[in-house]
Amino acid sequence: MAQQQCHNDAIERVRSIDSYHHHVTGESSRTGSRRSSFSSSNRGSVSCLQEALSSVVDALQLSGSRESLDDDELFKPDHSTATETTSNSVCNSCKEENHEALSVQLARQRSYLHGSVGPFQSLLGNSELKRTLPDGKLKVFIGTWNMNGKTPPSTLEDLLLPTPLQSLPDVVVIGTQETNGERDEWEVGLQETLGPGHVLFHSVELGTIHLAVFLRRDLIWVCSVPESDSHSTRAGSAFRTKGGVAVGFSIFGTSLLFVNCHLPAHAEKFAERERDLKKILFSLDLPKELPIRKKQRDVTSNYDYVFLCGDLNFRINKSREEVLDFVSKTWGEISPVDFRPELSKLLEADQLKLSLANNRILRTFSEAEITFAPTYKYIPGTENFDEAKQRVPSYTDRILWKERKGISVRCDHYDVAKQLKCSDHFPVWAAFQVPIKPGRETIPLSAGTFNRPVYLEGMKRRLQAWDPNKLSLSNSASCSLQ
């Protein structure tokens, strides 16, 4: 009877382990967005379950010769194999991924908070970096759009989810100028389009200039506190339409700065645009808490990577007729392979290209190859250039980047979203791969913060669009990211 009872108890333990495993994997299967981020831990759970089953089988075999042992003693390791049991207390797959449990002795030393001690890695350490970003690259998407005060379309997939992208980026940054409507409404629209895999990490506005940073939701645990600042180049104006806004933070051990600008218009204000851009970059007081060796007046020197976007308003120094003739021939008759030599001649007259080559501030920036038509000025709702004001079609909307020496950014795409025609500007977007290095917890961590109200409202609208009969989400006091 004692042996039968021992067998029954052991079987019940196996069932409880198996039930728990099915609960974990079931939750993972019901939430597709968790699969990628927790796939490695699920694999570890399977291995742990298999090793637990093996241990129970061994215990059952042992029980045949130890019928007098009670239930607690059945699963107590033999003192003669204590060393071996201790070394095997963590499954092999967990050991391979450096997920060993932290020993009490090591925890009492407290030094593990500043990096790795033995097999244990810190939150921002190399092990966590490899788990979160296996290739060590951060996929960054940046979009810029002068909305011309127009109401945006109800769906923003063509801006945020362009078809050339194979997968969702890790970081999505959207800068707008002459932004229409309420800030919250615009941010909810962006959140609804991106879906539950991303959260609004931080946003900042200055009059009609707005910048929003969305992160892949698991990245909010490995970021510093976001910091933002703004500078108006029309300080005396109550209605602020020109200037710049910025958001800076670090991911693991790499710092990033995103700047959105709206510079003065008209072809003859080339020098004024360069002056205003310098004022913006030298007036932004960032970082504020993020530790750096020596803070420079030029904000772009304080970060590992800087991304500058916006309606920079630089024009083409050619006549309207010359540019229109080139555009009609290039994008109307010639294949994309053939027009690049001619396009390079057109860009020789581009004011921003001149600044990138000669200006002391801008020459530290890079830009990907332009292969699209000018982004300004169109008749809203069409792909026809405006005739009323006789503007020279130009590349006013641009995305630039700057990197520290020894590290390099790769731009995979640089294009326009021509499907969005409500403004007199076409949106421009770019996709980058940014190398990321491990860090230490000496930075002010954001500790998982994000804009919860925007997330909930965005998910509510996605639910309503999918099933109009479901009018609301549960408005619980805590935000659970499934």
Protein backbone atom coordinates (compact mmCIF):
# COMPACT_ATOMS: atom_id res chain seq x y z
CA MET A 1 0.00 0.00 0.00
CA ALA A 2 2.79 2.41 0.84
CA GLN A 3 4.41 1.78 -2.55
CA GLN A 4 1.08 2.29 -4.37
CA GLN A 5 0.47 5.54 -2.47
CA CYS A 6 3.98 6.73 -3.35
CA HIS A 7 3.32 6.00 -7.02
CA ASN A 8 0.00 7.88 -6.91
CA ASP A 9 1.55 10.91 -5.26
CA ALA A 10 4.37 11.00 -7.80
CA ILE A 11 1.89 10.81 -10.67
CA GLU A 12 -0.08 13.68 -9.18
CA ARG A 13 3.12 15.75 -9.09
CA VAL A 14 3.75 15.00 -12.76
CA ARG A 15 0.19 16.05 -13.59
CA SER A 16 0.57 19.31 -11.70
CA ILE A 17 3.80 20.12 -13.57
CA ASP A 18 2.19 19.20 -16.89
CA SER A 19 -0.90 21.29 -16.08
CA TYR A 20 1.25 24.30 -15.30
CA HIS A 21 3.24 23.85 -18.50
CA HIS A 22 0.05 23.71 -20.60
CA HIS A 23 -1.16 26.86 -18.87
CA VAL A 24 2.05 28.74 -19.75
CA THR A 25 2.24 27.56 -23.35
CA GLY A 26 -1.50 28.03 -23.76
CA GLU A 27 -1.20 31.67 -22.75
CA SER A 28 1.67 32.03 -25.19
CA SER A 29 -0.30 30.50 -28.06
CA ARG A 30 -3.30 32.71 -27.42
CA THR A 31 -1.20 35.84 -27.61
CA GLY A 32 0.78 35.78 -30.82
CA SER A 33 2.77 38.87 -29.99
CA ARG A 34 4.34 37.12 -26.98
CA ARG A 35 5.72 34.24 -29.02
CA SER A 36 8.82 35.94 -30.32
CA SER A 37 9.86 37.64 -27.08
CA PHE A 38 9.27 34.60 -24.89
CA SER A 39 10.15 31.80 -27.30
CA SER A 40 13.46 31.09 -25.61
CA SER A 41 11.87 30.89 -22.15
CA ASN A 42 9.17 28.54 -23.49
CA ARG A 43 11.86 26.28 -24.89
CA GLY A 44 13.46 26.33 -21.47
CA SER A 45 10.12 25.38 -19.88
CA VAL A 46 9.83 22.33 -22.13
CA SER A 47 13.34 21.22 -21.21
CA CYS A 48 12.64 21.84 -17.52
CA LEU A 49 9.47 19.73 -17.76
CA GLN A 50 11.33 16.90 -19.47
CA GLU A 51 14.05 16.90 -16.81
CA ALA A 52 11.42 17.05 -14.05
CA LEU A 53 9.68 14.00 -15.53
CA SER A 54 13.00 12.15 -15.66
CA SER A 55 13.61 12.99 -12.02
CA VAL A 56 10.18 11.67 -11.04
CA VAL A 57 10.75 8.43 -13.00
CA ASP A 58 14.05 7.94 -11.18
CA ALA A 59 12.30 8.57 -7.88
CA LEU A 60 9.61 6.00 -8.69
CA GLN A 61 12.27 3.42 -9.50
CA LEU A 62 14.01 4.23 -6.25
CA SER A 63 10.80 3.89 -4.27
CA GLY A 64 10.66 0.13 -4.99
CA SER A 65 13.57 -0.43 -2.64
CA ARG A 66 12.58 2.32 -0.15
CA GLU A 67 8.92 1.60 0.61
CA SER A 68 9.21 2.96 4.13
CA LEU A 69 10.10 6.49 3.00
CA ASP A 70 7.42 9.17 3.35
CA ASP A 71 6.44 11.52 0.53
CA ASP A 72 8.85 14.30 1.50
CA GLU A 73 11.80 11.95 1.71
CA LEU A 74 10.95 10.46 -1.68
CA PHE A 75 11.88 13.69 -3.44
CA LYS A 76 14.78 14.61 -1.13
CA PRO A 77 18.17 14.23 -2.93
CA ASP A 78 20.56 11.61 -1.65
CA HIS A 79 23.33 13.24 0.40
CA SER A 80 25.86 11.16 -1.47
CA THR A 81 24.93 12.95 -4.69
CA ALA A 82 24.44 16.42 -3.22
CA THR A 83 27.16 17.99 -5.34
CA GLU A 84 25.77 16.50 -8.53
CA THR A 85 22.22 17.57 -7.67
CA THR A 86 23.31 21.13 -6.98
CA SER A 87 25.06 21.40 -10.33
CA ASN A 88 21.99 20.02 -12.12
CA SER A 89 19.41 22.12 -10.26
CA VAL A 90 18.95 24.25 -13.38
CA CYS A 91 18.04 22.67 -16.72
CA ASN A 92 20.66 22.52 -19.46
CA SER A 93 18.76 24.83 -21.81
CA CYS A 94 18.54 27.48 -19.11
CA LYS A 95 22.29 27.15 -18.49
CA GLU A 96 22.97 27.59 -22.19
CA GLU A 97 21.06 30.89 -22.15
CA ASN A 98 22.68 32.10 -18.91
CA HIS A 99 19.36 32.06 -17.05
CA GLU A 100 20.76 30.40 -13.95
CA ALA A 101 19.12 31.35 -10.70
CA LEU A 102 21.02 33.96 -8.74
CA SER A 103 22.58 32.52 -5.60
CA VAL A 104 21.71 34.02 -2.24
CA GLN A 105 25.40 34.67 -1.52
CA LEU A 106 25.73 36.65 -4.74
CA ALA A 107 22.53 38.57 -4.09
CA ARG A 108 23.84 39.59 -0.66
CA GLN A 109 26.89 41.12 -2.31
CA ARG A 110 24.61 43.50 -4.29
CA SER A 111 27.33 44.11 -6.87
CA TYR A 112 25.34 42.20 -9.53
CA LEU A 113 23.30 45.36 -10.12
CA HIS A 114 26.25 46.89 -11.99
CA GLY A 115 26.91 44.23 -14.57
CA SER A 116 27.66 40.54 -14.55
CA VAL A 117 29.04 38.44 -11.75
CA GLY A 118 29.69 34.80 -12.62
CA PRO A 119 26.91 33.40 -14.83
CA PHE A 120 24.37 36.11 -13.95
CA GLN A 121 23.83 39.10 -16.24
CA SER A 122 22.27 42.45 -15.38
CA LEU A 123 19.11 43.84 -16.96
CA LEU A 124 21.16 45.84 -19.47
CA GLY A 125 23.95 43.30 -19.83
CA ASN A 126 25.13 41.33 -22.82
CA SER A 127 22.98 38.26 -22.10
CA GLU A 128 19.77 40.28 -21.96
CA LEU A 129 20.80 42.21 -25.08
CA LYS A 130 21.29 38.98 -27.02
CA ARG A 131 17.91 37.70 -25.87
CA THR A 132 16.09 40.93 -26.73
CA LEU A 133 17.97 41.81 -29.93
CA PRO A 134 19.65 38.57 -31.10
CA ASP A 135 21.58 40.26 -33.92
CA GLY A 136 22.52 43.26 -31.78
CA LYS A 137 20.66 45.61 -34.16
CA LEU A 138 17.75 47.90 -33.35
CA LYS A 139 15.27 48.39 -36.20
CA VAL A 140 14.29 52.06 -36.26
CA PHE A 141 11.50 53.52 -38.40
CA ILE A 142 11.20 57.29 -38.86
CA GLY A 143 8.42 59.15 -40.63
CA THR A 144 8.02 62.88 -41.25
CA TRP A 145 4.94 64.64 -42.60
CA ASN A 146 3.87 68.25 -43.02
CA MET A 147 0.10 67.79 -42.62
CA ASN A 148 -0.75 71.30 -43.87
CA GLY A 149 -3.38 71.50 -41.13
CA LYS A 150 -5.46 68.84 -42.90
CA THR A 151 -7.38 66.06 -41.19
CA PRO A 152 -5.44 62.80 -41.53
CA PRO A 153 -7.10 59.72 -43.03
CA SER A 154 -8.82 57.26 -40.71
CA THR A 155 -6.18 54.63 -41.43
CA LEU A 156 -2.44 55.31 -41.35
CA GLU A 157 -1.07 51.97 -42.56
CA ASP A 158 0.55 53.54 -45.61
CA LEU A 159 2.60 55.80 -43.35
CA LEU A 160 3.41 53.46 -40.44
CA LEU A 161 3.30 50.05 -42.12
CA PRO A 162 4.62 50.48 -45.67
CA THR A 163 4.65 47.28 -47.70
CA PRO A 164 8.44 47.26 -48.38
CA LEU A 165 9.00 46.47 -44.69
CA GLN A 166 9.23 42.76 -43.90
CA SER A 167 8.54 43.09 -40.18
CA LEU A 168 7.52 45.65 -37.61
CA PRO A 169 10.38 47.89 -36.41
CA ASP A 170 11.52 48.00 -32.80
CA VAL A 171 11.25 51.78 -32.61
CA VAL A 172 8.74 53.90 -34.53
CA VAL A 173 9.23 57.68 -34.54
CA ILE A 174 6.76 60.00 -36.25
CA GLY A 175 7.42 63.73 -36.60
CA THR A 176 4.73 66.05 -37.97
CA GLN A 177 4.59 69.72 -38.81
CA GLU A 178 1.45 71.86 -39.17
CA THR A 179 -0.22 69.05 -37.27
CA ASN A 180 -3.99 68.98 -37.40
CA GLY A 181 -6.29 68.41 -34.47
CA GLU A 182 -5.76 67.39 -30.87
CA ARG A 183 -2.48 65.83 -29.81
CA ASP A 184 -4.18 62.94 -28.01
CA GLU A 185 -6.38 62.13 -30.99
CA TRP A 186 -3.38 61.95 -33.31
CA GLU A 187 -1.42 59.75 -30.91
CA VAL A 188 -4.36 57.37 -30.46
CA GLY A 189 -4.60 57.05 -34.24
CA LEU A 190 -0.93 56.10 -34.41
CA GLN A 191 -1.35 53.60 -31.57
CA GLU A 192 -4.42 52.04 -33.18
CA THR A 193 -2.51 51.53 -36.43
CA LEU A 194 0.61 50.04 -34.81
CA GLY A 195 -1.39 47.68 -32.60
CA PRO A 196 -0.65 46.06 -29.23
CA GLY A 197 2.94 45.17 -30.08
CA HIS A 198 4.05 48.78 -29.51
CA VAL A 199 3.41 51.40 -26.85
CA LEU A 200 3.79 55.17 -26.83
CA PHE A 201 7.02 55.70 -24.92
CA HIS A 202 7.09 59.50 -25.06
CA SER A 203 5.86 62.47 -27.09
CA VAL A 204 6.50 66.20 -27.20
CA GLU A 205 4.96 69.15 -29.05
CA LEU A 206 5.67 72.79 -29.75
CA GLY A 207 2.69 74.57 -31.31
CA THR A 208 1.99 72.62 -34.50
CA ILE A 209 5.25 70.60 -34.33
CA HIS A 210 4.84 67.14 -32.81
CA LEU A 211 7.09 64.14 -32.21
CA ALA A 212 5.98 60.70 -30.96
CA VAL A 213 8.21 57.74 -30.07
CA PHE A 214 6.71 54.24 -29.96
CA LEU A 215 8.67 51.23 -28.71
CA ARG A 216 8.27 47.50 -29.04
CA ARG A 217 6.62 46.89 -25.72
CA ASP A 218 9.31 44.69 -24.12
CA LEU A 219 11.94 47.39 -24.77
CA ILE A 220 10.41 49.72 -22.18
CA TRP A 221 12.29 47.74 -19.51
CA VAL A 222 15.73 48.34 -20.99
CA CYS A 223 15.42 52.10 -21.61
CA SER A 224 16.41 55.13 -19.63
CA VAL A 225 13.84 57.71 -18.62
CA PRO A 226 12.89 59.64 -21.79
CA GLU A 227 13.87 63.31 -21.86
CA SER A 228 12.50 65.98 -24.16
CA ASP A 229 12.97 69.63 -24.98
CA SER A 230 11.90 72.17 -27.59
CA HIS A 231 12.99 75.48 -29.06
CA SER A 232 10.93 78.01 -30.97
CA THR A 233 12.70 80.11 -33.58
CA ARG A 234 9.80 82.57 -33.48
CA ALA A 235 9.89 83.43 -29.81
CA GLY A 236 7.69 86.51 -30.20
CA SER A 237 4.89 84.64 -31.93
CA ALA A 238 2.01 83.26 -29.89
CA PHE A 239 1.28 80.66 -32.60
CA ARG A 240 4.41 78.55 -32.82
CA THR A 241 4.90 76.96 -36.21
CA LYS A 242 8.69 77.09 -36.63
CA GLY A 243 11.34 75.51 -34.45
CA GLY A 244 12.25 72.07 -33.23
CA VAL A 245 11.36 69.38 -30.67
CA ALA A 246 13.50 66.47 -29.49
CA VAL A 247 13.30 63.25 -27.47
CA GLY A 248 16.42 61.54 -26.13
CA PHE A 249 16.97 58.29 -24.21
CA SER A 250 19.19 55.22 -24.14
CA ILE A 251 18.44 51.57 -24.97
CA PHE A 252 20.79 49.20 -23.15
CA GLY A 253 24.12 51.07 -23.41
CA THR A 254 23.38 53.13 -26.54
CA SER A 255 21.97 56.66 -26.50
CA LEU A 256 19.64 57.98 -29.20
CA LEU A 257 18.27 61.43 -29.99
CA PHE A 258 15.34 62.17 -32.32
CA VAL A 259 14.80 65.75 -33.53
CA ASN A 260 11.87 67.08 -35.56
CA CYS A 261 12.18 70.54 -37.14
CA HIS A 262 10.13 72.97 -39.19
CA LEU A 263 12.41 75.57 -40.77
CA PRO A 264 11.63 78.82 -42.65
CA ALA A 265 10.06 78.54 -46.10
CA HIS A 266 10.91 80.09 -49.52
CA ALA A 267 13.96 79.49 -51.70
CA GLU A 268 15.72 82.74 -50.82
CA LYS A 269 15.84 81.92 -47.07
CA PHE A 270 18.59 79.34 -47.44
CA ALA A 271 20.97 81.06 -44.99
CA GLU A 272 18.16 81.64 -42.49
CA ARG A 273 17.37 77.92 -42.49
CA GLU A 274 20.96 77.07 -41.67
CA ARG A 275 21.03 79.65 -38.86
CA ASP A 276 17.74 78.44 -37.37
CA LEU A 277 18.83 74.83 -37.44
CA LYS A 278 22.02 75.75 -35.57
CA LYS A 279 19.96 77.69 -33.00
CA ILE A 280 17.75 74.67 -32.43
CA LEU A 281 20.60 72.20 -32.03
CA PHE A 282 22.52 74.52 -29.70
CA SER A 283 19.44 75.44 -27.61
CA LEU A 284 18.06 71.99 -26.86
CA ASP A 285 19.12 71.22 -23.28
CA LEU A 286 19.65 67.46 -23.48
CA PRO A 287 20.44 65.17 -21.83
CA LYS A 288 19.31 66.28 -18.39
CA GLU A 289 19.80 63.18 -16.23
CA LEU A 290 21.37 60.66 -18.56
CA PRO A 291 25.07 60.51 -17.54
CA ILE A 292 27.61 61.56 -20.17
CA ARG A 293 31.32 62.34 -19.94
CA LYS A 294 31.17 65.96 -21.03
CA LYS A 295 28.03 67.75 -22.10
CA GLN A 296 28.44 69.79 -25.29
CA ARG A 297 26.45 72.83 -26.42
CA ASP A 298 25.72 71.07 -29.69
CA VAL A 299 23.10 68.54 -28.58
CA THR A 300 24.03 66.16 -31.40
CA SER A 301 27.46 65.61 -29.79
CA ASN A 302 25.89 64.22 -26.61
CA TYR A 303 24.40 61.04 -28.13
CA ASP A 304 25.63 57.95 -29.93
CA TYR A 305 23.06 58.34 -32.71
CA VAL A 306 21.05 61.37 -33.80
CA PHE A 307 18.15 61.30 -36.25
CA LEU A 308 16.98 64.61 -37.68
CA CYS A 309 13.72 64.80 -39.61
CA GLY A 310 11.11 67.35 -40.59
CA ASP A 311 10.04 69.92 -43.12
CA LEU A 312 13.49 71.42 -43.46
CA ASN A 313 12.21 73.52 -46.39
CA PHE A 314 15.41 73.42 -48.44
CA ARG A 315 14.63 74.00 -52.12
CA ILE A 316 16.09 73.22 -55.56
CA ASN A 317 18.01 76.04 -57.22
CA LYS A 318 16.44 75.55 -60.64
CA SER A 319 13.48 77.01 -62.47
CA ARG A 320 10.06 75.48 -62.00
CA GLU A 321 9.93 74.52 -65.70
CA GLU A 322 13.25 72.65 -65.51
CA VAL A 323 12.16 70.61 -62.51
CA LEU A 324 8.70 69.85 -63.92
CA ASP A 325 10.21 68.72 -67.19
CA PHE A 326 12.65 66.45 -65.38
CA VAL A 327 9.93 64.94 -63.16
CA SER A 328 7.57 64.27 -66.06
CA LYS A 329 10.30 62.52 -68.05
CA THR A 330 11.86 60.64 -65.16
CA TRP A 331 8.85 59.25 -63.34
CA GLY A 332 6.58 59.19 -66.34
CA GLU A 333 8.62 57.47 -69.03
CA ILE A 334 11.96 56.13 -67.80
CA SER A 335 12.41 53.06 -65.62
CA PRO A 336 13.88 53.55 -62.10
CA VAL A 337 17.22 52.05 -63.19
CA ASP A 338 17.75 54.68 -65.86
CA PHE A 339 16.83 57.92 -64.11
CA ARG A 340 19.45 57.90 -61.33
CA PRO A 341 22.23 59.64 -63.29
CA GLU A 342 19.81 62.38 -64.26
CA LEU A 343 18.46 62.58 -60.72
CA SER A 344 21.96 63.12 -59.36
CA LYS A 345 22.27 66.16 -61.62
CA LEU A 346 19.01 67.55 -60.22
CA LEU A 347 20.19 66.99 -56.66
CA GLU A 348 23.36 68.94 -57.36
CA ALA A 349 21.08 71.97 -57.19
CA ASP A 350 19.44 70.85 -53.95
CA GLN A 351 20.15 73.32 -51.15
CA LEU A 352 20.33 70.69 -48.43
CA LYS A 353 22.87 68.65 -50.38
CA LEU A 354 25.01 71.79 -50.52
CA SER A 355 24.69 72.21 -46.76
CA LEU A 356 25.55 68.56 -46.12
CA ALA A 357 28.77 69.13 -48.03
CA ASN A 358 29.76 72.55 -46.73
CA ASN A 359 27.91 73.58 -43.55
CA ARG A 360 29.90 73.02 -40.35
CA ILE A 361 26.90 71.60 -38.48
CA LEU A 362 25.15 69.68 -41.24
CA ARG A 363 28.23 68.11 -42.79
CA THR A 364 28.38 65.72 -39.83
CA PHE A 365 25.03 64.25 -40.97
CA SER A 366 24.30 61.64 -43.62
CA GLU A 367 21.33 61.01 -45.90
CA ALA A 368 20.34 57.91 -47.83
CA GLU A 369 20.07 58.00 -51.60
CA ILE A 370 16.97 59.77 -52.89
CA THR A 371 15.10 57.81 -55.56
CA PHE A 372 11.67 59.44 -55.35
CA ALA A 373 10.09 62.56 -56.85
CA PRO A 374 10.03 65.91 -54.99
CA THR A 375 7.70 65.86 -51.99
CA TYR A 376 6.36 69.43 -52.30
CA LYS A 377 4.12 71.24 -53.43
CA TYR A 378 1.07 69.24 -54.57
CA ILE A 379 -2.59 69.95 -55.05
CA PRO A 380 -4.17 68.16 -52.06
CA GLY A 381 -5.86 64.94 -53.09
CA THR A 382 -3.77 64.57 -56.25
CA GLU A 383 -0.27 63.82 -57.50
CA ASN A 384 -0.19 67.05 -59.50
CA PHE A 385 2.06 69.92 -58.55
CA ASP A 386 0.33 73.11 -57.46
CA GLU A 387 0.10 75.83 -60.09
CA ALA A 388 -1.51 78.63 -58.11
CA LYS A 389 1.62 79.70 -56.19
CA GLN A 390 4.11 78.52 -58.82
CA ARG A 391 6.43 76.89 -56.26
CA VAL A 392 9.46 75.03 -57.55
CA PRO A 393 8.91 71.32 -56.73
CA SER A 394 11.46 70.47 -54.03
CA TYR A 395 12.61 67.90 -51.52
CA THR A 396 11.53 69.84 -48.45
CA ASP A 397 10.84 66.78 -46.26
CA ARG A 398 13.99 64.94 -45.25
CA ILE A 399 15.45 62.42 -42.82
CA LEU A 400 19.13 62.64 -41.79
CA TRP A 401 21.27 60.83 -39.26
CA LYS A 402 24.52 61.28 -37.40
CA GLU A 403 26.65 58.60 -35.73
CA ARG A 404 29.69 58.46 -33.49
CA LYS A 405 33.00 57.49 -35.06
CA GLY A 406 33.60 53.77 -35.23
CA ILE A 407 29.93 52.78 -35.45
CA SER A 408 27.67 52.87 -38.46
CA VAL A 409 23.95 52.99 -39.21
CA ARG A 410 22.49 51.15 -42.17
CA CYS A 411 19.52 52.67 -43.98
CA ASP A 412 17.48 49.91 -45.65
CA HIS A 413 14.69 52.08 -47.10
CA TYR A 414 14.13 55.77 -47.89
CA ASP A 415 10.86 56.51 -49.62
CA VAL A 416 7.60 58.46 -49.74
CA ALA A 417 4.05 57.42 -48.82
CA LYS A 418 2.30 58.70 -51.96
CA GLN A 419 -0.98 57.15 -50.90
CA LEU A 420 -1.51 59.92 -48.33
CA LYS A 421 -2.61 62.87 -50.49
CA CYS A 422 -4.61 65.05 -48.11
CA SER A 423 -1.72 67.52 -47.65
CA ASP A 424 0.37 69.51 -50.11
CA HIS A 425 3.37 67.44 -48.88
CA PHE A 426 3.93 63.72 -49.27
CA PRO A 427 5.11 61.93 -46.08
CA VAL A 428 8.68 60.61 -46.15
CA TRP A 429 9.84 57.55 -44.23
CA ALA A 430 13.08 55.68 -43.62
CA ALA A 431 14.02 52.35 -42.03
CA PHE A 432 17.36 51.88 -40.26
CA GLN A 433 19.39 49.19 -38.53
CA VAL A 434 21.25 50.60 -35.53
CA PRO A 435 23.97 48.66 -33.64
CA ILE A 436 23.30 48.48 -29.90
CA LYS A 437 25.83 47.79 -27.13
CA PRO A 438 25.17 46.46 -23.61
CA GLY A 439 24.95 48.85 -20.69
CA ARG A 440 24.86 49.06 -16.90
CA GLU A 441 22.18 50.13 -14.44
CA THR A 442 23.92 53.43 -13.71
CA ILE A 443 21.28 55.23 -15.79
CA PRO A 444 17.85 56.41 -14.60
CA LEU A 445 15.71 53.51 -15.82
CA SER A 446 12.23 54.19 -17.13
CA ALA A 447 11.04 51.02 -15.34
CA GLY A 448 8.44 50.07 -17.93
CA THR A 449 6.58 53.38 -18.16
CA PHE A 450 4.47 54.24 -21.21
CA ASN A 451 1.33 56.20 -22.10
CA ARG A 452 -1.40 53.94 -20.76
CA PRO A 453 -4.49 56.02 -21.73
CA VAL A 454 -3.35 56.23 -25.38
CA TYR A 455 -2.68 52.48 -25.41
CA LEU A 456 -6.11 51.59 -24.00
CA GLU A 457 -7.99 53.91 -26.34
CA GLY A 458 -6.05 52.68 -29.35
CA MET A 459 -6.81 49.05 -28.48
CA LYS A 460 -10.47 49.93 -27.88
CA ARG A 461 -10.72 51.35 -31.39
CA ARG A 462 -9.00 48.35 -32.92
CA LEU A 463 -11.51 46.12 -31.15
CA GLN A 464 -14.43 48.18 -32.37
CA ALA A 465 -13.15 48.09 -35.94
CA TRP A 466 -12.78 44.33 -35.72
CA ASP A 467 -16.12 43.74 -33.94
CA PRO A 468 -18.46 46.79 -33.69
CA ASN A 469 -20.59 44.94 -31.10
CA LYS A 470 -17.73 45.13 -28.60
CA LEU A 471 -17.88 48.73 -27.47
CA SER A 472 -15.28 48.91 -24.73
CA LEU A 473 -12.30 47.32 -23.08
CA SER A 474 -12.08 46.57 -19.40
CA ASN A 475 -10.98 49.78 -17.68
CA SER A 476 -9.10 48.14 -14.86
CA ALA A 477 -6.75 50.02 -12.58
CA SER A 478 -3.73 48.15 -13.92
CA CYS A 479 -2.56 47.92 -17.50
CA SER A 480 -1.86 44.36 -18.53
CA LEU A 481 0.16 43.91 -21.72
CA GLN A 482 -0.90 40.55 -23.12
